[in-house]
Amino acid sequence: MLQDLLTAKKADFKDYTELRAQVNSTQQVTLLSGNMTANAQSATGGVAARVYKGGTFGFASAAAYNHDSVSNVLKAATDNAIFMDSHVKKGKPPLPVVTGAKMDLRKFPSEPINQKLLIDFAKGLDEMIVKKCKNLSSRTVVSNCLNMEKLLVVSDGADSHFYQPRAMAYVIMTAETKDGDQVELFKALGGFGHFDEHFTDPSAYAWEIDELYEHLMAKREGVFADAGMKKCIIHPDLAGMLAHEAVGHTVEADLVLGGSVAGPNLNKQVASELVSMTDFAHTAFGKTCPLPVYVDDEGTPAEDAILIDKGILKGYMHNKESARHFGVTPQGNARAFAFSDEPLIRMRNTVILPGQSKLDDMIASVEDGYYLIKTGNGQADSTGEFMFSVDLSYEIKGGKIGKAIRETTISGVAFEMLKTVDMVSDDMTWDVAGFCGKKQPMTCSMGGPALRCDMNIGGR
């Protein structure tokens, strides 16, 4: 637990200042076909300061966390800001003043998570896979913890002490097809919280292992997709990925200022009127979000950011600087992954909102198309153009699920694809497994309902 060496330094703040101490701790165990290939624990931490003057930031960080290093980092950041301002001479006005009380948002475990817990769970899960799942070429099981603790004091806004634990288990199964190719599927389990809150009994995840194995065996006998524009049902997992990658990044205000497609489309229709999208801060649909953010790393108390409302692009995600530029109120989207990182505009819990249709009815409505479930690697850019691999999908023939599909791809332009959405399911799922890779990694969550739309599918 971080000792507060920062609050006393507020008396030394001369300009807008953020002072942050942080520790990221990780634990990981990896089993490859039953053999342990990784068993690691690590912690990285330190202190950083950022000072704003006349339109430029001065930044400095140090891996040591003591009274001297805090003083030295604060002085270095202040000197850097003065130097940058004297040379760049932007002459910008002050950042918007943000008010907020001190936030003590800690969720420390009663005692440290023992590495043996990760090992035992991974072994138990692996043993269950061996027992249940035949004809595998290989299997990988990973137990993983990432805990982020941040202590922040700011010249205005909310001082905070924040602790965010994330515990995950990952399963990868590989099988060989009759023609000698390898097919693979991946499953992530867990989410916000400590490892022992999610993973004590491997048998609790038996149904998810069964489901993954069933999909893999179907994919093993799968066929190749027919290329072209097809009527598709997008599974909630894939809808969440599209919301994050193909839409979310285009509406981050720094990328808008860099020329993203969202810039000229504010208050214009960018999707079907059935599509609404929000970046939730910490609470959604009456429940705590998978990765709640109550205050960001600029000290801004976090609020929901409405991005698309009934097909109309309504706003962007901001830090204090971009909020001043656009004349809006910042809502807490400035986040830094490591102590040595400066806060960037980042997503938090970004979702397409549920609609009113039933998934079974949506599938039944498709005469000849595809049910796209899980994506693999892919990319999207600031134009909204995207291309993703699809690792798990099925034919839809006559309104019924048909044969599984081998790996294929989907591509298009997000704002054009979303205009074709004509059905949205009344339920949704969250995905909290990965990292966003914008300049620095960052934990985030994404989600959505199932969507019926037109999608460009890649063939063999």
Protein backbone atom coordinates (compact mmCIF):
# COMPACT_ATOMS: atom_id res chain seq x y z
CA MET A 1 0.00 0.00 0.00
CA LEU A 2 1.41 3.37 -1.07
CA GLN A 3 2.31 5.77 1.72
CA ASP A 4 1.10 9.30 1.08
CA LEU A 5 4.23 11.35 0.41
CA LEU A 6 2.41 13.63 -2.04
CA THR A 7 -0.18 15.71 -0.20
CA ALA A 8 2.43 17.73 1.68
CA LYS A 9 3.94 18.79 -1.66
CA LYS A 10 0.81 20.62 -2.78
CA ALA A 11 2.13 23.71 -1.03
CA ASP A 12 4.91 23.77 -3.65
CA PHE A 13 2.56 23.77 -6.67
CA LYS A 14 2.95 27.02 -8.65
CA ASP A 15 1.02 26.21 -11.83
CA TYR A 16 -1.48 23.53 -12.78
CA THR A 17 0.12 20.33 -11.43
CA GLU A 18 -0.57 16.59 -11.21
CA LEU A 19 1.55 14.47 -8.88
CA ARG A 20 1.03 10.71 -9.06
CA ALA A 21 2.59 7.71 -7.33
CA GLN A 22 1.79 4.33 -8.79
CA VAL A 23 2.57 0.62 -8.51
CA ASN A 24 1.51 -2.04 -11.01
CA SER A 25 1.93 -5.60 -9.76
CA THR A 26 1.49 -8.72 -11.89
CA GLN A 27 1.38 -12.45 -11.30
CA GLN A 28 1.22 -15.06 -14.04
CA VAL A 29 1.35 -18.83 -14.44
CA THR A 30 1.29 -20.49 -17.88
CA LEU A 31 0.80 -24.18 -18.63
CA LEU A 32 1.41 -25.47 -22.17
CA SER A 33 -0.02 -28.97 -22.60
CA GLY A 34 0.37 -29.47 -18.87
CA ASN A 35 3.96 -28.21 -18.66
CA MET A 36 4.63 -25.01 -16.73
CA THR A 37 6.33 -22.53 -19.04
CA ALA A 38 5.93 -19.39 -16.92
CA ASN A 39 5.70 -18.69 -13.20
CA ALA A 40 6.37 -15.02 -12.57
CA GLN A 41 5.64 -12.16 -10.22
CA SER A 42 6.70 -8.55 -10.69
CA ALA A 43 6.00 -5.02 -9.52
CA THR A 44 6.95 -1.73 -11.12
CA GLY A 45 6.31 1.64 -9.60
CA GLY A 46 7.46 5.15 -8.96
CA VAL A 47 6.32 8.74 -9.05
CA ALA A 48 5.51 11.19 -11.84
CA ALA A 49 4.67 14.88 -12.07
CA ARG A 50 3.08 16.87 -14.87
CA VAL A 51 2.92 20.67 -14.91
CA TYR A 52 0.96 22.81 -17.40
CA LYS A 53 2.08 26.25 -18.45
CA GLY A 54 0.83 28.34 -21.37
CA GLY A 55 -0.30 25.41 -23.50
CA THR A 56 2.50 22.90 -22.92
CA PHE A 57 3.14 20.21 -20.34
CA GLY A 58 6.36 19.50 -18.51
CA PHE A 59 6.64 15.88 -17.41
CA ALA A 60 9.11 13.95 -15.28
CA SER A 61 9.16 10.57 -13.51
CA ALA A 62 11.40 8.47 -11.30
CA ALA A 63 11.35 4.81 -10.28
CA ALA A 64 12.19 5.65 -6.67
CA TYR A 65 9.40 6.69 -4.33
CA ASN A 66 10.65 8.69 -1.37
CA HIS A 67 10.60 12.29 -0.20
CA ASP A 68 13.65 13.27 -2.24
CA SER A 69 12.46 11.65 -5.47
CA VAL A 70 9.03 13.29 -5.15
CA SER A 71 10.66 16.71 -4.68
CA ASN A 72 13.09 16.13 -7.56
CA VAL A 73 10.38 14.94 -9.96
CA LEU A 74 8.14 17.90 -9.11
CA LYS A 75 11.00 20.35 -9.68
CA ALA A 76 12.01 18.68 -12.96
CA ALA A 77 8.46 18.76 -14.33
CA THR A 78 8.12 22.43 -13.33
CA ASP A 79 11.43 23.31 -14.98
CA ASN A 80 10.43 21.39 -18.11
CA ALA A 81 7.13 23.27 -18.31
CA ILE A 82 8.88 26.64 -17.97
CA PHE A 83 11.41 25.65 -20.63
CA MET A 84 8.76 24.40 -23.06
CA ASP A 85 6.59 27.48 -22.55
CA SER A 86 9.51 29.84 -23.17
CA HIS A 87 10.38 28.13 -26.45
CA VAL A 88 7.02 27.01 -27.87
CA LYS A 89 5.09 30.10 -26.74
CA LYS A 90 1.61 28.77 -27.46
CA GLY A 91 0.02 31.36 -25.21
CA LYS A 92 -2.93 29.13 -24.36
CA PRO A 93 -5.29 29.97 -21.48
CA PRO A 94 -5.40 27.88 -18.31
CA LEU A 95 -7.02 24.47 -18.28
CA PRO A 96 -10.67 24.31 -17.15
CA VAL A 97 -11.01 24.27 -13.39
CA VAL A 98 -12.37 20.97 -12.11
CA THR A 99 -13.65 20.60 -8.57
CA GLY A 100 -13.87 17.38 -6.62
CA ALA A 101 -13.47 16.07 -3.11
CA LYS A 102 -10.80 13.60 -2.08
CA MET A 103 -11.67 10.07 -3.21
CA ASP A 104 -10.47 7.05 -1.27
CA LEU A 105 -11.26 4.20 -3.65
CA ARG A 106 -9.27 1.27 -2.35
CA LYS A 107 -10.06 -2.41 -2.63
CA PHE A 108 -7.00 -4.06 -1.16
CA PRO A 109 -7.01 -7.82 -0.54
CA SER A 110 -7.06 -8.95 3.07
CA GLU A 111 -3.71 -10.58 2.35
CA PRO A 112 -1.50 -10.93 -0.76
CA ILE A 113 -2.60 -13.47 -3.35
CA ASN A 114 -0.35 -16.50 -3.00
CA GLN A 115 1.24 -17.65 -6.26
CA LYS A 116 0.28 -21.21 -5.35
CA LEU A 117 -3.38 -20.27 -5.84
CA LEU A 118 -2.66 -19.37 -9.47
CA ILE A 119 -0.67 -22.58 -9.98
CA ASP A 120 -3.30 -24.82 -8.41
CA PHE A 121 -6.15 -23.27 -10.37
CA ALA A 122 -4.26 -23.53 -13.68
CA LYS A 123 -3.44 -27.17 -12.99
CA GLY A 124 -7.01 -27.95 -11.99
CA LEU A 125 -8.38 -26.30 -15.12
CA ASP A 126 -5.83 -28.11 -17.29
CA GLU A 127 -6.71 -31.47 -15.73
CA MET A 128 -10.39 -30.84 -16.43
CA ILE A 129 -9.60 -30.05 -20.08
CA VAL A 130 -7.61 -33.28 -20.41
CA LYS A 131 -10.52 -35.25 -18.99
CA LYS A 132 -13.25 -33.57 -21.01
CA CYS A 133 -11.63 -32.60 -24.29
CA LYS A 134 -10.20 -35.28 -26.60
CA ASN A 135 -8.40 -34.90 -29.94
CA LEU A 136 -6.58 -31.67 -29.01
CA SER A 137 -3.23 -30.88 -30.61
CA SER A 138 -2.31 -28.58 -27.75
CA ARG A 139 -3.81 -26.65 -24.89
CA THR A 140 -2.69 -23.57 -22.98
CA VAL A 141 -3.96 -22.37 -19.62
CA VAL A 142 -2.92 -19.03 -18.11
CA SER A 143 -3.64 -17.62 -14.65
CA ASN A 144 -3.04 -13.87 -14.48
CA CYS A 145 -3.41 -11.00 -12.00
CA LEU A 146 -2.85 -7.30 -12.65
CA ASN A 147 -3.27 -4.86 -9.76
CA MET A 148 -2.93 -1.10 -10.28
CA GLU A 149 -2.59 1.22 -7.29
CA LYS A 150 -2.51 4.98 -7.83
CA LEU A 151 -2.14 7.87 -5.39
CA LEU A 152 -2.89 11.23 -7.03
CA VAL A 153 -2.86 14.83 -5.86
CA VAL A 154 -3.71 17.69 -8.20
CA SER A 155 -3.82 21.46 -8.08
CA ASP A 156 -7.54 21.27 -8.86
CA GLY A 157 -9.91 18.37 -9.10
CA ALA A 158 -10.11 15.28 -6.93
CA ASP A 159 -7.17 13.88 -5.03
CA SER A 160 -7.53 10.10 -4.99
CA HIS A 161 -6.18 6.80 -3.78
CA PHE A 162 -7.28 4.20 -6.28
CA TYR A 163 -6.74 0.44 -6.42
CA GLN A 164 -7.98 -1.63 -9.36
CA PRO A 165 -7.47 -5.42 -9.34
CA ARG A 166 -8.08 -7.59 -12.40
CA ALA A 167 -7.89 -11.39 -12.37
CA MET A 168 -8.07 -13.46 -15.56
CA ALA A 169 -7.75 -17.04 -16.71
CA TYR A 170 -7.13 -17.71 -20.39
CA VAL A 171 -7.68 -21.00 -22.22
CA ILE A 172 -6.44 -21.77 -25.74
CA MET A 173 -7.32 -25.05 -27.47
CA THR A 174 -5.90 -26.26 -30.78
CA ALA A 175 -7.03 -29.20 -32.92
CA GLU A 176 -5.99 -30.65 -36.26
CA THR A 177 -8.38 -30.89 -39.21
CA LYS A 178 -8.61 -33.87 -41.56
CA ASP A 179 -6.48 -32.05 -44.11
CA GLY A 180 -3.72 -31.35 -41.59
CA ASP A 181 -4.50 -27.70 -40.82
CA GLN A 182 -4.62 -26.39 -37.26
CA VAL A 183 -7.68 -24.62 -35.87
CA GLU A 184 -7.63 -22.72 -32.59
CA LEU A 185 -10.05 -21.06 -30.20
CA PHE A 186 -9.49 -18.81 -27.20
CA LYS A 187 -11.56 -18.14 -24.08
CA ALA A 188 -11.05 -15.51 -21.38
CA LEU A 189 -12.53 -15.89 -17.90
CA GLY A 190 -12.66 -13.50 -14.94
CA GLY A 191 -12.61 -9.73 -14.68
CA PHE A 192 -12.56 -7.00 -12.02
CA GLY A 193 -11.54 -8.24 -8.60
CA HIS A 194 -8.95 -10.41 -6.90
CA PHE A 195 -7.98 -13.87 -8.10
CA ASP A 196 -9.59 -15.63 -5.15
CA GLU A 197 -12.87 -13.81 -5.86
CA HIS A 198 -13.09 -15.44 -9.29
CA PHE A 199 -11.04 -18.62 -9.25
CA THR A 200 -11.27 -21.10 -6.42
CA ASP A 201 -12.95 -24.08 -8.07
CA PRO A 202 -12.10 -25.00 -11.70
CA SER A 203 -15.31 -27.03 -11.98
CA ALA A 204 -17.28 -23.77 -11.81
CA TYR A 205 -16.07 -23.14 -15.36
CA ALA A 206 -16.86 -26.61 -16.72
CA TRP A 207 -19.71 -25.37 -18.89
CA GLU A 208 -17.50 -22.73 -20.50
CA ILE A 209 -14.83 -25.33 -21.25
CA ASP A 210 -17.50 -27.61 -22.73
CA GLU A 211 -18.81 -24.78 -24.90
CA LEU A 212 -15.34 -23.83 -26.13
CA TYR A 213 -14.55 -27.46 -26.98
CA GLU A 214 -17.86 -27.91 -28.81
CA HIS A 215 -17.14 -24.84 -30.94
CA LEU A 216 -13.60 -26.07 -31.67
CA MET A 217 -14.81 -29.48 -32.81
CA ALA A 218 -17.38 -27.80 -35.05
CA LYS A 219 -14.71 -25.51 -36.47
CA ARG A 220 -12.48 -28.54 -37.07
CA GLU A 221 -15.14 -29.80 -39.50
CA GLY A 222 -15.87 -26.30 -40.79
CA VAL A 223 -16.13 -24.91 -44.28
CA PHE A 224 -14.86 -21.70 -45.84
CA ALA A 225 -17.02 -18.60 -46.12
CA ASP A 226 -18.27 -17.23 -49.42
CA ALA A 227 -16.72 -13.82 -49.98
CA GLY A 228 -18.83 -10.72 -50.43
CA MET A 229 -21.39 -8.50 -48.76
CA LYS A 230 -23.59 -10.69 -46.57
CA LYS A 231 -26.43 -10.27 -44.10
CA CYS A 232 -24.85 -11.08 -40.74
CA ILE A 233 -25.68 -11.39 -37.08
CA ILE A 234 -22.79 -10.01 -35.02
CA HIS A 235 -22.44 -11.67 -31.63
CA PRO A 236 -22.21 -9.29 -28.62
CA ASP A 237 -18.49 -10.10 -28.12
CA LEU A 238 -17.69 -9.00 -31.65
CA ALA A 239 -20.02 -6.00 -31.44
CA GLY A 240 -18.07 -4.82 -28.41
CA MET A 241 -14.77 -5.12 -30.25
CA LEU A 242 -16.11 -3.11 -33.18
CA ALA A 243 -17.47 -0.49 -30.78
CA HIS A 244 -14.03 -0.10 -29.22
CA GLU A 245 -11.67 -0.40 -32.18
CA ALA A 246 -13.61 0.90 -35.15
CA VAL A 247 -15.73 3.58 -33.45
CA GLY A 248 -14.30 4.35 -30.02
CA HIS A 249 -10.87 5.43 -31.17
CA THR A 250 -12.31 7.77 -33.80
CA VAL A 251 -14.17 9.70 -31.07
CA GLU A 252 -11.20 10.19 -28.73
CA ALA A 253 -10.74 13.96 -28.92
CA ASP A 254 -6.98 13.87 -29.50
CA LEU A 255 -7.55 11.70 -32.58
CA VAL A 256 -10.42 13.97 -33.63
CA LEU A 257 -7.98 16.90 -33.53
CA GLY A 258 -5.60 14.73 -35.55
CA GLY A 259 -8.18 14.41 -38.34
CA SER A 260 -10.35 11.39 -37.51
CA VAL A 261 -13.57 10.78 -39.40
CA ALA A 262 -15.58 11.83 -36.35
CA GLY A 263 -14.47 15.46 -36.63
CA PRO A 264 -16.81 16.60 -39.43
CA ASN A 265 -19.61 14.26 -38.32
CA LEU A 266 -20.52 15.72 -34.94
CA ASN A 267 -24.31 15.98 -34.60
CA LYS A 268 -24.74 14.03 -37.84
CA GLN A 269 -26.09 10.56 -38.46
CA VAL A 270 -23.30 7.99 -38.32
CA ALA A 271 -25.36 4.88 -37.58
CA SER A 272 -28.85 3.45 -37.69
CA GLU A 273 -31.29 5.08 -35.27
CA LEU A 274 -31.26 1.73 -33.44
CA VAL A 275 -27.62 2.28 -32.44
CA SER A 276 -26.63 4.17 -29.29
CA MET A 277 -23.17 4.04 -27.74
CA THR A 278 -21.80 5.22 -24.39
CA ASP A 279 -18.43 5.17 -22.67
CA PHE A 280 -19.51 4.40 -19.11
CA ALA A 281 -17.37 5.59 -16.19
CA HIS A 282 -18.13 3.19 -13.36
CA THR A 283 -21.81 2.20 -13.33
CA ALA A 284 -24.00 0.89 -16.14
CA PHE A 285 -27.49 -0.60 -16.13
CA GLY A 286 -27.59 -0.34 -12.34
CA LYS A 287 -24.41 -2.38 -11.80
CA THR A 288 -20.71 -1.63 -11.33
CA CYS A 289 -18.85 -1.72 -14.65
CA PRO A 290 -16.24 -4.42 -15.30
CA LEU A 291 -13.39 -1.89 -14.89
CA PRO A 292 -14.82 1.06 -12.96
CA VAL A 293 -13.10 4.45 -13.16
CA TYR A 294 -14.26 6.95 -10.54
CA VAL A 295 -11.59 9.59 -11.10
CA ASP A 296 -9.07 9.84 -13.92
CA ASP A 297 -5.34 10.60 -13.75
CA GLU A 298 -5.91 14.34 -14.13
CA GLY A 299 -8.15 14.34 -11.05
CA THR A 300 -11.39 14.69 -13.01
CA PRO A 301 -14.33 12.87 -11.37
CA ALA A 302 -15.52 10.37 -13.96
CA GLU A 303 -18.89 10.69 -15.68
CA ASP A 304 -20.46 8.79 -18.56
CA ALA A 305 -19.64 10.06 -22.05
CA ILE A 306 -22.54 9.74 -24.50
CA LEU A 307 -21.00 9.12 -27.92
CA ILE A 308 -23.86 8.09 -30.23
CA ASP A 309 -27.54 8.62 -29.44
CA LYS A 310 -30.07 6.95 -31.78
CA GLY A 311 -27.59 7.05 -34.62
CA ILE A 312 -26.45 10.66 -34.11
CA LEU A 313 -22.84 11.35 -33.09
CA LYS A 314 -23.24 13.42 -29.93
CA GLY A 315 -19.79 13.85 -28.44
CA TYR A 316 -16.20 12.81 -27.91
CA MET A 317 -14.06 11.56 -25.03
CA HIS A 318 -11.82 14.25 -23.53
CA ASN A 319 -9.01 15.20 -21.23
CA LYS A 320 -8.91 18.67 -19.69
CA GLU A 321 -6.97 20.17 -22.61
CA SER A 322 -9.26 18.89 -25.37
CA ALA A 323 -12.34 19.77 -23.32
CA ARG A 324 -11.14 23.38 -23.18
CA HIS A 325 -10.56 23.34 -26.96
CA PHE A 326 -14.09 22.08 -27.69
CA GLY A 327 -15.76 24.13 -24.97
CA VAL A 328 -17.16 21.15 -23.06
CA THR A 329 -16.78 19.70 -19.58
CA PRO A 330 -14.16 16.94 -19.15
CA GLN A 331 -15.67 13.63 -18.00
CA GLY A 332 -12.65 11.68 -16.80
CA ASN A 333 -11.08 9.93 -19.79
CA ALA A 334 -7.40 10.78 -19.13
CA ARG A 335 -5.63 7.61 -18.03
CA ALA A 336 -2.03 6.42 -17.69
CA PHE A 337 -0.99 2.77 -17.52
CA ALA A 338 2.39 3.03 -15.75
CA PHE A 339 3.93 5.57 -13.40
CA SER A 340 6.23 6.71 -16.23
CA ASP A 341 3.35 7.31 -18.66
CA GLU A 342 1.57 10.60 -19.23
CA PRO A 343 -2.24 10.41 -19.16
CA LEU A 344 -3.83 9.97 -22.59
CA ILE A 345 -7.47 10.12 -23.65
CA ARG A 346 -8.62 6.53 -23.22
CA MET A 347 -11.82 4.52 -23.24
CA ARG A 348 -13.13 3.01 -20.01
CA ASN A 349 -16.26 0.81 -20.45
CA THR A 350 -17.42 1.38 -24.02
CA VAL A 351 -20.61 -0.30 -25.21
CA ILE A 352 -23.36 -0.27 -27.78
CA LEU A 353 -26.61 -0.17 -25.82
CA PRO A 354 -29.11 -3.06 -25.99
CA GLY A 355 -32.19 -2.85 -28.21
CA GLN A 356 -35.49 -4.71 -28.27
CA SER A 357 -35.03 -7.77 -30.52
CA LYS A 358 -34.50 -11.37 -29.45
CA LEU A 359 -31.33 -13.07 -30.69
CA ASP A 360 -33.27 -16.16 -31.82
CA ASP A 361 -35.59 -13.97 -33.90
CA MET A 362 -32.63 -12.17 -35.42
CA ILE A 363 -31.03 -15.44 -36.51
CA ALA A 364 -34.36 -16.73 -37.83
CA SER A 365 -34.71 -13.60 -39.96
CA VAL A 366 -31.57 -14.35 -42.02
CA GLU A 367 -32.10 -16.57 -45.04
CA ASP A 368 -28.47 -16.82 -46.16
CA GLY A 369 -25.74 -15.22 -44.09
CA TYR A 370 -23.38 -15.67 -41.17
CA TYR A 371 -23.35 -15.59 -37.38
CA LEU A 372 -20.05 -13.92 -36.43
CA ILE A 373 -19.04 -14.68 -32.85
CA LYS A 374 -15.39 -14.10 -31.97
CA THR A 375 -12.69 -11.93 -33.48
CA GLY A 376 -8.95 -12.45 -33.42
CA ASN A 377 -6.35 -9.96 -34.57
CA GLY A 378 -7.30 -6.89 -36.53
CA GLN A 379 -6.87 -3.21 -37.03
CA ALA A 380 -8.85 -0.01 -37.45
CA ASP A 381 -7.73 3.51 -38.17
CA SER A 382 -8.95 7.06 -37.65
CA THR A 383 -11.03 6.90 -40.86
CA GLY A 384 -13.18 4.23 -39.20
CA GLU A 385 -12.00 1.67 -41.72
CA PHE A 386 -11.46 -1.74 -40.13
CA MET A 387 -10.38 -5.27 -40.90
CA PHE A 388 -10.57 -8.10 -38.35
CA SER A 389 -10.03 -11.80 -38.46
CA VAL A 390 -12.99 -13.85 -37.27
CA ASP A 391 -11.99 -16.97 -35.36
CA LEU A 392 -15.45 -18.35 -34.69
CA SER A 393 -18.52 -18.07 -36.90
CA TYR A 394 -21.32 -20.17 -38.38
CA GLU A 395 -23.41 -20.22 -41.51
CA ILE A 396 -27.03 -19.19 -41.27
CA LYS A 397 -29.18 -21.08 -43.76
CA GLY A 398 -32.93 -20.64 -43.86
CA GLY A 399 -32.93 -18.93 -40.48
CA LYS A 400 -31.03 -21.73 -38.76
CA ILE A 401 -27.42 -22.10 -37.62
CA GLY A 402 -25.46 -24.26 -40.07
CA LYS A 403 -21.86 -25.37 -40.38
CA ALA A 404 -18.98 -23.69 -38.60
CA ILE A 405 -16.65 -21.51 -40.63
CA ARG A 406 -12.89 -21.69 -40.75
CA GLU A 407 -11.00 -18.44 -40.12
CA THR A 408 -12.29 -15.57 -42.20
CA THR A 409 -12.15 -11.77 -42.16
CA ILE A 410 -14.56 -8.89 -41.98
CA SER A 411 -13.88 -5.39 -43.27
CA GLY A 412 -15.60 -2.11 -43.87
CA VAL A 413 -16.04 1.46 -42.65
CA ALA A 414 -17.62 1.57 -39.20
CA PHE A 415 -19.98 4.50 -39.69
CA GLU A 416 -21.24 3.02 -42.98
CA MET A 417 -21.62 -0.50 -41.57
CA LEU A 418 -23.54 0.80 -38.52
CA LYS A 419 -26.05 2.51 -40.81
CA THR A 420 -27.13 -0.94 -42.06
CA VAL A 421 -28.05 -2.17 -38.55
CA ASP A 422 -31.74 -3.06 -38.57
CA MET A 423 -32.04 -5.26 -35.46
CA VAL A 424 -30.38 -4.97 -32.03
CA SER A 425 -30.76 -7.65 -29.35
CA ASP A 426 -32.20 -6.92 -25.93
CA ASP A 427 -29.23 -8.36 -24.03
CA MET A 428 -25.50 -7.70 -24.03
CA THR A 429 -22.19 -9.05 -22.79
CA TRP A 430 -19.02 -7.41 -21.47
CA ASP A 431 -15.46 -8.25 -22.51
CA VAL A 432 -12.76 -7.25 -20.02
CA ALA A 433 -9.97 -9.61 -21.10
CA GLY A 434 -7.52 -7.51 -23.05
CA PHE A 435 -5.60 -4.28 -23.28
CA CYS A 436 -6.02 -1.25 -25.51
CA GLY A 437 -2.73 -0.48 -27.24
CA LYS A 438 -2.89 3.26 -27.94
CA LYS A 439 0.79 4.30 -27.44
CA GLN A 440 0.74 2.56 -24.03
CA PRO A 441 -1.30 -0.46 -22.91
CA MET A 442 -4.40 0.16 -20.85
CA THR A 443 -7.04 -2.02 -19.24
CA CYS A 444 -10.55 -1.32 -20.47
CA SER A 445 -13.80 -3.11 -21.09
CA MET A 446 -16.13 -3.17 -24.04
CA GLY A 447 -19.45 -4.72 -24.84
CA GLY A 448 -22.65 -4.69 -26.75
CA PRO A 449 -25.71 -6.58 -27.89
CA ALA A 450 -26.05 -8.69 -31.03
CA LEU A 451 -26.50 -6.67 -34.22
CA ARG A 452 -28.03 -7.56 -37.57
CA CYS A 453 -26.24 -5.72 -40.37
CA ASP A 454 -24.57 -6.00 -43.75
CA MET A 455 -20.92 -7.02 -43.53
CA ASN A 456 -18.17 -7.61 -46.07
CA ILE A 457 -16.86 -11.16 -45.53
CA GLY A 458 -13.54 -12.51 -46.77
CA GLY A 459 -13.46 -15.87 -48.53
CA ARG A 460 -10.88 -18.60 -48.83
